[in-house]
Every structure is written in structure tokens, then in C-alpha cells.
Amino acid sequence: MVGDARAFLDPIYSSGLFLALGSAEAAAQCIHEALEEDDVSAVRLGKFESALGDGVDTIHHLIKAFYDPTFSFGKFARRFPEQKTALVDCLIGDVIKDMSGFRQALGKMIPSPPSLQRL
């Protein structure tokens, strides 16, 4: 599954469309590679799932922070100026990539919620 069928998080954020398109692009790449290699196994077709799950967890963490009264984007940006670009990427849903530095910084301000991959 891709897009909102795979992970709908919060209607306030604009991340949904970018995440939907990014997950579709990742899935399409896996499908293309699977067809080229004549291996349409679930493992091969779902190769993008781990990166997508990490990205969804990153957005989920930011959403939890947003609703925490002790958190503010301004405080975060001042404390972690090197993460400003990653913050914008997360807000728009460009998270199917390594966002570990951003998650670590965010975790210093707001505890990480449980991973949605395990739910």
C-alpha cells in the first residue's frame, strides 16, 4: 500500500501528498526492479517498506511534538539550527530518506512515540 492507504497521520499537516507521491515512486521503483529481475516476491516488492516506515515514524514524532504544549518549532530551530532543512522536509513529507539526525534532535525535546511499524 502507498499514500493514505498505507499511513494517514494528521489532517493539519501538508505531508500527506508528498508522502503519497514519494511512497508511490518508491513502490514503482521496487516493482520495476522486481520485473527486471523476474522476482515478484513479497520481499522484493516490499523493499521500500522499511524506509517508508521510518519516514512515517518521523512525521508521527513531529505531529506528537506539535500537540505537546512544551514544544515549539521556534525553540526547536534555535536549539538545532542544523536541522532547519530537515524540519521543512518533514513538514512537507519528504521523509523517505535518512532522517535519523532530525529524529535524534527531536527526541531531545519530545520523547519518541511508539513506532507505527509495530502497531
N, C-alpha and C. Protein backbone atom coordinates (compact mmCIF):
# COMPACT_ATOMS: atom_id res chain seq x y z
N MET A 1 0.84 -1.18 0.00
CA MET A 1 0.00 0.00 0.00
C MET A 1 0.88 1.24 0.00
N VAL A 2 0.37 2.31 -0.56
CA VAL A 2 1.08 3.59 -0.61
C VAL A 2 0.11 4.70 -0.21
N GLY A 3 0.64 5.88 0.01
CA GLY A 3 -0.18 7.05 0.31
C GLY A 3 -1.00 6.89 1.57
N ASP A 4 -2.17 7.52 1.60
CA ASP A 4 -3.03 7.48 2.78
C ASP A 4 -3.53 6.07 3.08
N ALA A 5 -3.59 5.20 2.08
CA ALA A 5 -3.98 3.81 2.33
C ALA A 5 -2.96 3.12 3.21
N ARG A 6 -1.72 3.57 3.13
CA ARG A 6 -0.64 2.98 3.93
C ARG A 6 -0.51 3.68 5.28
N ALA A 7 -0.65 5.01 5.30
CA ALA A 7 -0.42 5.73 6.55
C ALA A 7 -1.03 7.11 6.50
N PHE A 8 -2.18 7.28 7.11
CA PHE A 8 -2.77 8.60 7.26
C PHE A 8 -2.47 9.05 8.68
N LEU A 9 -1.85 10.22 8.83
CA LEU A 9 -1.39 10.64 10.15
C LEU A 9 -2.20 11.77 10.76
N ASP A 10 -2.35 12.88 10.05
CA ASP A 10 -2.97 14.04 10.66
C ASP A 10 -3.39 15.01 9.56
N PRO A 11 -4.62 15.51 9.60
CA PRO A 11 -5.09 16.39 8.54
C PRO A 11 -4.49 17.80 8.57
N ILE A 12 -3.85 18.19 9.66
CA ILE A 12 -3.27 19.54 9.75
C ILE A 12 -2.03 19.66 8.89
N TYR A 13 -1.28 18.61 8.80
CA TYR A 13 0.00 18.66 8.08
C TYR A 13 -0.19 18.49 6.59
N SER A 14 0.69 19.11 5.84
CA SER A 14 0.65 19.01 4.38
C SER A 14 1.53 17.88 3.89
N SER A 15 2.01 17.06 4.78
CA SER A 15 2.93 15.99 4.41
C SER A 15 2.27 14.90 3.58
N GLY A 16 0.97 14.76 3.67
CA GLY A 16 0.27 13.64 3.04
C GLY A 16 0.50 13.49 1.56
N LEU A 17 0.38 14.56 0.79
CA LEU A 17 0.52 14.45 -0.66
C LEU A 17 1.95 14.07 -1.05
N PHE A 18 2.92 14.75 -0.46
CA PHE A 18 4.32 14.44 -0.80
C PHE A 18 4.64 13.01 -0.40
N LEU A 19 4.18 12.60 0.79
CA LEU A 19 4.42 11.24 1.25
C LEU A 19 3.74 10.23 0.34
N ALA A 20 2.53 10.53 -0.11
CA ALA A 20 1.83 9.64 -1.03
C ALA A 20 2.60 9.49 -2.33
N LEU A 21 3.05 10.59 -2.87
CA LEU A 21 3.79 10.54 -4.13
C LEU A 21 5.14 9.86 -3.94
N GLY A 22 5.82 10.17 -2.83
CA GLY A 22 7.11 9.55 -2.56
C GLY A 22 6.99 8.05 -2.36
N SER A 23 5.95 7.62 -1.65
CA SER A 23 5.78 6.18 -1.43
C SER A 23 5.40 5.49 -2.74
N ALA A 24 4.61 6.14 -3.57
CA ALA A 24 4.26 5.57 -4.87
C ALA A 24 5.49 5.45 -5.76
N GLU A 25 6.34 6.46 -5.73
CA GLU A 25 7.57 6.41 -6.51
C GLU A 25 8.49 5.28 -6.03
N ALA A 26 8.62 5.14 -4.71
CA ALA A 26 9.45 4.06 -4.15
C ALA A 26 8.88 2.69 -4.51
N ALA A 27 7.56 2.55 -4.41
CA ALA A 27 6.91 1.29 -4.77
C ALA A 27 7.10 0.99 -6.26
N ALA A 28 6.94 2.00 -7.09
CA ALA A 28 7.12 1.81 -8.54
C ALA A 28 8.54 1.37 -8.87
N GLN A 29 9.52 1.94 -8.18
CA GLN A 29 10.91 1.55 -8.40
C GLN A 29 11.12 0.08 -8.03
N CYS A 30 10.53 -0.33 -6.90
CA CYS A 30 10.64 -1.74 -6.49
C CYS A 30 9.95 -2.66 -7.49
N ILE A 31 8.79 -2.26 -7.99
CA ILE A 31 8.07 -3.06 -8.98
C ILE A 31 8.90 -3.19 -10.26
N HIS A 32 9.45 -2.07 -10.70
CA HIS A 32 10.28 -2.07 -11.92
C HIS A 32 11.47 -3.02 -11.76
N GLU A 33 12.18 -2.91 -10.63
CA GLU A 33 13.34 -3.77 -10.39
C GLU A 33 12.92 -5.24 -10.28
N ALA A 34 11.78 -5.49 -9.63
CA ALA A 34 11.30 -6.87 -9.49
C ALA A 34 10.98 -7.48 -10.85
N LEU A 35 10.35 -6.71 -11.71
CA LEU A 35 10.02 -7.22 -13.04
C LEU A 35 11.28 -7.44 -13.88
N GLU A 36 12.24 -6.53 -13.75
CA GLU A 36 13.50 -6.71 -14.49
C GLU A 36 14.25 -7.96 -14.04
N GLU A 37 14.19 -8.25 -12.75
CA GLU A 37 14.90 -9.40 -12.19
C GLU A 37 14.03 -10.66 -12.17
N ASP A 38 12.81 -10.57 -12.66
CA ASP A 38 11.86 -11.68 -12.66
C ASP A 38 11.70 -12.27 -11.26
N ASP A 39 11.58 -11.37 -10.29
CA ASP A 39 11.39 -11.76 -8.89
C ASP A 39 10.31 -10.86 -8.30
N VAL A 40 9.08 -11.33 -8.34
CA VAL A 40 7.97 -10.53 -7.82
C VAL A 40 7.52 -11.03 -6.44
N SER A 41 8.49 -11.48 -5.68
CA SER A 41 8.20 -11.95 -4.32
C SER A 41 7.79 -10.76 -3.45
N ALA A 42 7.09 -11.07 -2.38
CA ALA A 42 6.66 -10.02 -1.44
C ALA A 42 7.86 -9.27 -0.89
N VAL A 43 8.93 -9.98 -0.61
CA VAL A 43 10.14 -9.34 -0.08
C VAL A 43 10.68 -8.31 -1.07
N ARG A 44 10.75 -8.71 -2.33
CA ARG A 44 11.29 -7.81 -3.36
C ARG A 44 10.36 -6.61 -3.59
N LEU A 45 9.06 -6.87 -3.68
CA LEU A 45 8.10 -5.79 -3.94
C LEU A 45 7.97 -4.85 -2.75
N GLY A 46 8.20 -5.35 -1.54
CA GLY A 46 8.07 -4.52 -0.35
C GLY A 46 9.38 -3.96 0.16
N LYS A 47 10.39 -3.95 -0.69
CA LYS A 47 11.72 -3.48 -0.29
C LYS A 47 11.71 -2.03 0.21
N PHE A 48 10.77 -1.24 -0.24
CA PHE A 48 10.69 0.17 0.15
C PHE A 48 10.06 0.38 1.53
N GLU A 49 9.43 -0.66 2.07
CA GLU A 49 8.64 -0.54 3.30
C GLU A 49 9.43 0.00 4.49
N SER A 50 10.64 -0.45 4.67
CA SER A 50 11.44 -0.02 5.82
C SER A 50 11.68 1.48 5.79
N ALA A 51 12.12 1.99 4.64
CA ALA A 51 12.38 3.43 4.51
C ALA A 51 11.08 4.22 4.67
N LEU A 52 10.00 3.71 4.10
CA LEU A 52 8.71 4.39 4.24
C LEU A 52 8.26 4.39 5.70
N GLY A 53 8.39 3.26 6.37
CA GLY A 53 8.01 3.18 7.78
C GLY A 53 8.81 4.14 8.65
N ASP A 54 10.11 4.24 8.38
CA ASP A 54 10.94 5.20 9.13
C ASP A 54 10.46 6.63 8.88
N GLY A 55 10.13 6.92 7.63
CA GLY A 55 9.64 8.26 7.29
C GLY A 55 8.32 8.58 7.97
N VAL A 56 7.41 7.62 7.97
CA VAL A 56 6.11 7.82 8.64
C VAL A 56 6.33 8.01 10.14
N ASP A 57 7.23 7.23 10.72
CA ASP A 57 7.53 7.40 12.15
C ASP A 57 8.10 8.79 12.44
N THR A 58 8.89 9.31 11.52
CA THR A 58 9.46 10.65 11.69
C THR A 58 8.35 11.70 11.71
N ILE A 59 7.43 11.62 10.76
CA ILE A 59 6.31 12.56 10.73
C ILE A 59 5.45 12.39 11.98
N HIS A 60 5.20 11.16 12.38
CA HIS A 60 4.40 10.88 13.58
C HIS A 60 5.03 11.54 14.80
N HIS A 61 6.35 11.45 14.92
CA HIS A 61 7.05 12.08 16.05
C HIS A 61 6.86 13.60 16.03
N LEU A 62 6.96 14.21 14.86
CA LEU A 62 6.78 15.66 14.77
C LEU A 62 5.33 16.05 15.09
N ILE A 63 4.38 15.25 14.67
CA ILE A 63 2.98 15.53 14.98
C ILE A 63 2.75 15.47 16.49
N LYS A 64 3.32 14.45 17.13
CA LYS A 64 3.20 14.35 18.60
C LYS A 64 3.83 15.57 19.26
N ALA A 65 4.96 16.03 18.74
CA ALA A 65 5.61 17.23 19.29
C ALA A 65 4.70 18.45 19.12
N PHE A 66 4.09 18.57 17.95
CA PHE A 66 3.22 19.72 17.66
C PHE A 66 2.11 19.86 18.70
N TYR A 67 1.56 18.73 19.12
CA TYR A 67 0.46 18.76 20.07
C TYR A 67 0.92 18.84 21.53
N ASP A 68 2.22 18.81 21.76
CA ASP A 68 2.75 18.93 23.11
C ASP A 68 2.89 20.42 23.44
N PRO A 69 2.27 20.88 24.54
CA PRO A 69 2.30 22.32 24.85
C PRO A 69 3.70 22.86 25.19
N THR A 70 4.65 21.99 25.45
CA THR A 70 6.01 22.47 25.78
C THR A 70 6.89 22.63 24.54
N PHE A 71 6.40 22.17 23.39
CA PHE A 71 7.19 22.20 22.16
C PHE A 71 6.83 23.41 21.31
N SER A 72 7.83 23.96 20.64
CA SER A 72 7.56 24.96 19.61
C SER A 72 8.59 24.80 18.50
N PHE A 73 8.15 25.08 17.28
CA PHE A 73 9.06 24.99 16.15
C PHE A 73 10.20 25.99 16.30
N GLY A 74 9.90 27.17 16.83
CA GLY A 74 10.93 28.19 17.03
C GLY A 74 12.01 27.72 17.99
N LYS A 75 11.61 27.13 19.10
CA LYS A 75 12.58 26.60 20.06
C LYS A 75 13.43 25.51 19.42
N PHE A 76 12.77 24.65 18.67
CA PHE A 76 13.50 23.57 18.01
C PHE A 76 14.52 24.13 17.03
N ALA A 77 14.13 25.08 16.21
CA ALA A 77 15.03 25.66 15.20
C ALA A 77 16.19 26.40 15.84
N ARG A 78 15.93 27.07 16.96
CA ARG A 78 17.03 27.77 17.65
C ARG A 78 18.00 26.78 18.30
N ARG A 79 17.47 25.73 18.87
CA ARG A 79 18.32 24.74 19.54
C ARG A 79 19.09 23.87 18.54
N PHE A 80 18.47 23.58 17.41
CA PHE A 80 19.08 22.71 16.40
C PHE A 80 19.06 23.37 15.03
N PRO A 81 19.80 24.47 14.85
CA PRO A 81 19.73 25.19 13.56
C PRO A 81 20.15 24.32 12.37
N GLU A 82 20.98 23.33 12.62
CA GLU A 82 21.42 22.45 11.53
C GLU A 82 20.29 21.54 11.03
N GLN A 83 19.17 21.52 11.76
CA GLN A 83 18.03 20.66 11.41
C GLN A 83 16.88 21.43 10.75
N LYS A 84 17.10 22.71 10.45
CA LYS A 84 16.01 23.50 9.85
C LYS A 84 15.54 22.92 8.52
N THR A 85 16.46 22.53 7.68
CA THR A 85 16.08 21.96 6.38
C THR A 85 15.31 20.65 6.59
N ALA A 86 15.78 19.83 7.51
CA ALA A 86 15.09 18.56 7.80
C ALA A 86 13.70 18.82 8.37
N LEU A 87 13.55 19.88 9.16
CA LEU A 87 12.23 20.23 9.70
C LEU A 87 11.27 20.56 8.56
N VAL A 88 11.71 21.36 7.62
CA VAL A 88 10.87 21.69 6.47
C VAL A 88 10.56 20.44 5.66
N ASP A 89 11.58 19.60 5.44
CA ASP A 89 11.36 18.35 4.71
C ASP A 89 10.29 17.51 5.39
N CYS A 90 10.36 17.43 6.71
CA CYS A 90 9.37 16.63 7.45
C CYS A 90 7.98 17.25 7.33
N LEU A 91 7.89 18.54 7.42
CA LEU A 91 6.59 19.21 7.32
C LEU A 91 5.92 18.98 5.97
N ILE A 92 6.72 18.87 4.92
CA ILE A 92 6.12 18.66 3.60
C ILE A 92 6.02 17.18 3.24
N GLY A 93 6.62 16.30 4.06
CA GLY A 93 6.52 14.87 3.81
C GLY A 93 7.66 14.26 3.04
N ASP A 94 8.73 15.02 2.85
CA ASP A 94 9.91 14.50 2.14
C ASP A 94 10.78 13.74 3.13
N VAL A 95 10.34 12.54 3.49
CA VAL A 95 10.99 11.81 4.58
C VAL A 95 11.41 10.39 4.20
N ILE A 96 11.30 10.02 2.97
CA ILE A 96 11.72 8.67 2.58
C ILE A 96 13.21 8.75 2.23
N LYS A 97 13.96 9.01 3.28
CA LYS A 97 15.42 9.17 3.21
C LYS A 97 15.92 9.14 4.65
N ASP A 98 17.21 9.29 4.83
CA ASP A 98 17.78 9.25 6.18
C ASP A 98 17.41 10.52 6.95
N MET A 99 16.56 10.37 7.93
CA MET A 99 16.14 11.48 8.79
C MET A 99 16.57 11.21 10.23
N SER A 100 17.56 10.34 10.43
CA SER A 100 17.95 9.94 11.78
C SER A 100 18.46 11.12 12.61
N GLY A 101 19.20 12.03 12.03
CA GLY A 101 19.70 13.19 12.77
C GLY A 101 18.55 14.06 13.26
N PHE A 102 17.56 14.25 12.41
CA PHE A 102 16.38 15.03 12.78
C PHE A 102 15.62 14.35 13.90
N ARG A 103 15.41 13.02 13.78
CA ARG A 103 14.70 12.29 14.83
C ARG A 103 15.44 12.34 16.16
N GLN A 104 16.76 12.24 16.12
CA GLN A 104 17.54 12.32 17.35
C GLN A 104 17.40 13.69 18.00
N ALA A 105 17.48 14.75 17.19
CA ALA A 105 17.32 16.10 17.73
C ALA A 105 15.93 16.28 18.32
N LEU A 106 14.92 15.85 17.60
CA LEU A 106 13.54 15.96 18.07
C LEU A 106 13.35 15.18 19.37
N GLY A 107 14.00 14.02 19.46
CA GLY A 107 13.91 13.19 20.65
C GLY A 107 14.52 13.84 21.88
N LYS A 108 15.38 14.82 21.69
CA LYS A 108 15.96 15.55 22.83
C LYS A 108 14.98 16.55 23.41
N MET A 109 13.94 16.86 22.66
CA MET A 109 12.92 17.79 23.14
C MET A 109 11.63 17.09 23.53
N ILE A 110 11.26 16.07 22.78
CA ILE A 110 10.00 15.34 22.99
C ILE A 110 10.29 13.85 22.85
N PRO A 111 9.88 13.04 23.83
CA PRO A 111 10.12 11.59 23.72
C PRO A 111 9.49 11.02 22.44
N SER A 112 10.18 10.08 21.85
CA SER A 112 9.66 9.43 20.64
C SER A 112 8.42 8.60 20.98
N PRO A 113 7.38 8.71 20.18
CA PRO A 113 6.22 7.83 20.37
C PRO A 113 6.56 6.43 19.88
N PRO A 114 5.75 5.45 20.24
CA PRO A 114 5.99 4.10 19.72
C PRO A 114 5.96 4.10 18.19
N SER A 115 6.79 3.26 17.62
CA SER A 115 6.83 3.15 16.17
C SER A 115 5.50 2.64 15.63
N LEU A 116 5.03 3.26 14.57
CA LEU A 116 3.79 2.82 13.92
C LEU A 116 4.03 1.53 13.13
N GLN A 117 5.28 1.21 12.86
CA GLN A 117 5.59 -0.01 12.13
C GLN A 117 5.26 -1.25 12.94
N ARG A 118 5.23 -1.11 14.26
CA ARG A 118 4.98 -2.25 15.13
C ARG A 118 3.52 -2.34 15.53
N LEU A 119 2.70 -1.36 15.16
CA LEU A 119 1.29 -1.38 15.55
C LEU A 119 0.46 -2.19 14.60
